[in-house]
Protein backbone atom coordinates (compact mmCIF):
# COMPACT_ATOMS: atom_id res chain seq x y z
CA MET A 1 -3.61 12.86 35.37
CA ASP A 2 -0.25 12.16 37.92
CA PHE A 3 2.57 9.55 36.28
CA ASP A 4 4.42 7.26 38.10
CA PHE A 5 7.52 6.27 36.60
CA ASP A 6 8.16 3.19 38.61
CA GLU A 7 4.43 1.74 38.01
CA TRP A 8 5.20 2.06 34.40
CA VAL A 9 8.50 0.19 34.81
CA ARG A 10 7.23 -1.91 36.61
CA LEU A 11 4.59 -3.06 34.59
CA ALA A 12 7.28 -2.35 31.29
CA GLN A 13 8.96 -5.68 33.39
CA GLN A 14 6.15 -7.68 34.56
CA ASP A 15 3.52 -7.65 31.24
CA PRO A 16 4.70 -5.89 28.83
CA THR A 17 1.45 -6.54 26.09
CA ALA A 18 -0.21 -4.73 29.13
CA PHE A 19 2.07 -2.43 28.75
CA GLU A 20 1.68 -1.66 25.54
CA ALA A 21 -1.87 -1.84 25.23
CA LEU A 22 -1.73 1.05 27.95
CA ARG A 23 0.45 3.00 26.78
CA LYS A 24 -1.88 3.46 23.30
CA GLU A 25 -4.78 3.83 25.97
CA ILE A 26 -3.40 6.80 26.78
CA ILE A 27 -1.89 8.14 23.38
CA GLU A 28 -5.42 8.04 22.38
CA GLU A 29 -6.91 9.52 24.54
CA ILE A 30 -4.82 12.57 25.07
CA ILE A 31 -5.17 12.90 21.10
CA LYS A 32 -8.88 12.81 21.74
CA GLY A 33 -8.49 15.82 24.13
CA PHE A 34 -7.18 18.25 20.66
CA HIS A 35 -9.76 19.95 18.24
CA LEU A 36 -11.05 17.64 15.51
CA ASP A 37 -7.99 19.44 12.66
CA GLN A 38 -5.21 19.03 15.55
CA GLN A 39 -5.88 15.05 16.30
CA ARG A 40 -5.31 14.65 12.42
CA VAL A 41 -1.90 15.86 12.94
CA LEU A 42 -0.99 14.01 16.17
CA GLU A 43 -2.77 10.49 14.55
CA GLY A 44 -0.50 11.43 11.26
CA LEU A 45 2.71 11.96 14.02
CA GLN A 46 2.23 9.25 16.54
CA PHE A 47 1.85 6.78 13.41
CA ARG A 48 5.40 8.18 12.26
CA ILE A 49 6.23 7.80 15.79
CA ASP A 50 4.66 4.19 15.50
CA MET A 51 6.48 2.57 12.46
CA GLU A 52 9.89 3.80 13.72
CA ARG A 53 9.45 2.48 16.87
CA ARG A 54 8.22 -1.08 14.71
CA LYS A 55 11.89 -0.83 12.52
CA SER A 56 14.30 -1.10 15.32
CA LYS A 57 15.31 -4.31 16.47
CA ASN A 58 16.32 -3.01 20.27
CA PRO A 59 14.41 0.55 22.35
CA MET A 60 18.21 1.87 22.20
CA GLY A 61 17.52 1.41 17.91
CA SER A 62 13.55 2.91 18.65
CA CYS A 63 15.43 6.13 21.00
CA ILE A 64 17.70 6.88 18.37
CA ARG A 65 15.57 6.53 14.69
CA LEU A 66 13.20 8.84 17.46
CA SER A 67 15.37 11.58 18.67
CA ASN A 68 16.83 12.01 14.53
CA MET A 69 12.65 12.40 13.49
CA LEU A 70 12.69 15.05 16.38
CA LYS A 71 16.77 16.68 15.08
CA ASN A 72 15.48 16.50 10.83
CA LYS A 73 11.71 18.12 12.18
CA ILE A 74 13.61 21.06 13.56
CA HIS A 75 16.16 21.25 10.72
CA THR A 76 13.47 21.40 8.38
CA ASP A 77 10.33 23.01 9.99
CA PHE A 78 12.03 25.93 12.54
CA TYR A 79 16.08 26.27 11.50
CA PRO A 80 14.88 28.59 8.00
CA LEU A 81 12.48 30.43 10.40
CA ILE A 82 14.61 31.26 12.72
CA GLU A 83 17.66 32.31 10.14
CA SER A 84 14.79 34.39 7.97
CA MET A 85 14.48 36.47 11.36
CA ASP A 86 17.20 39.57 11.28
CA ASP A 87 17.83 41.62 14.51
CA SER A 88 14.53 43.19 14.18
CA ASP A 89 12.40 40.40 15.16
CA CYS A 90 13.64 39.68 18.00
């Protein structure tokens, strides 16, 4: 799948409704490419992302919310794993 950033920017500026519809369609298409168990996890994650975006009043707020979501996920899921490793695990 080719990604043309400039085309996406143009679409977002000229027709935000079409941009959003295409964005959702592509996300669904990508998720369907995974195994069923993974699809459920990804659909749940996408739901959380969509909810955070809806809570935001503007794109910058959305970006900050999603950045914080990622930071929290890394901190709660991955940091404890890294901390628990000793030098022999590396």
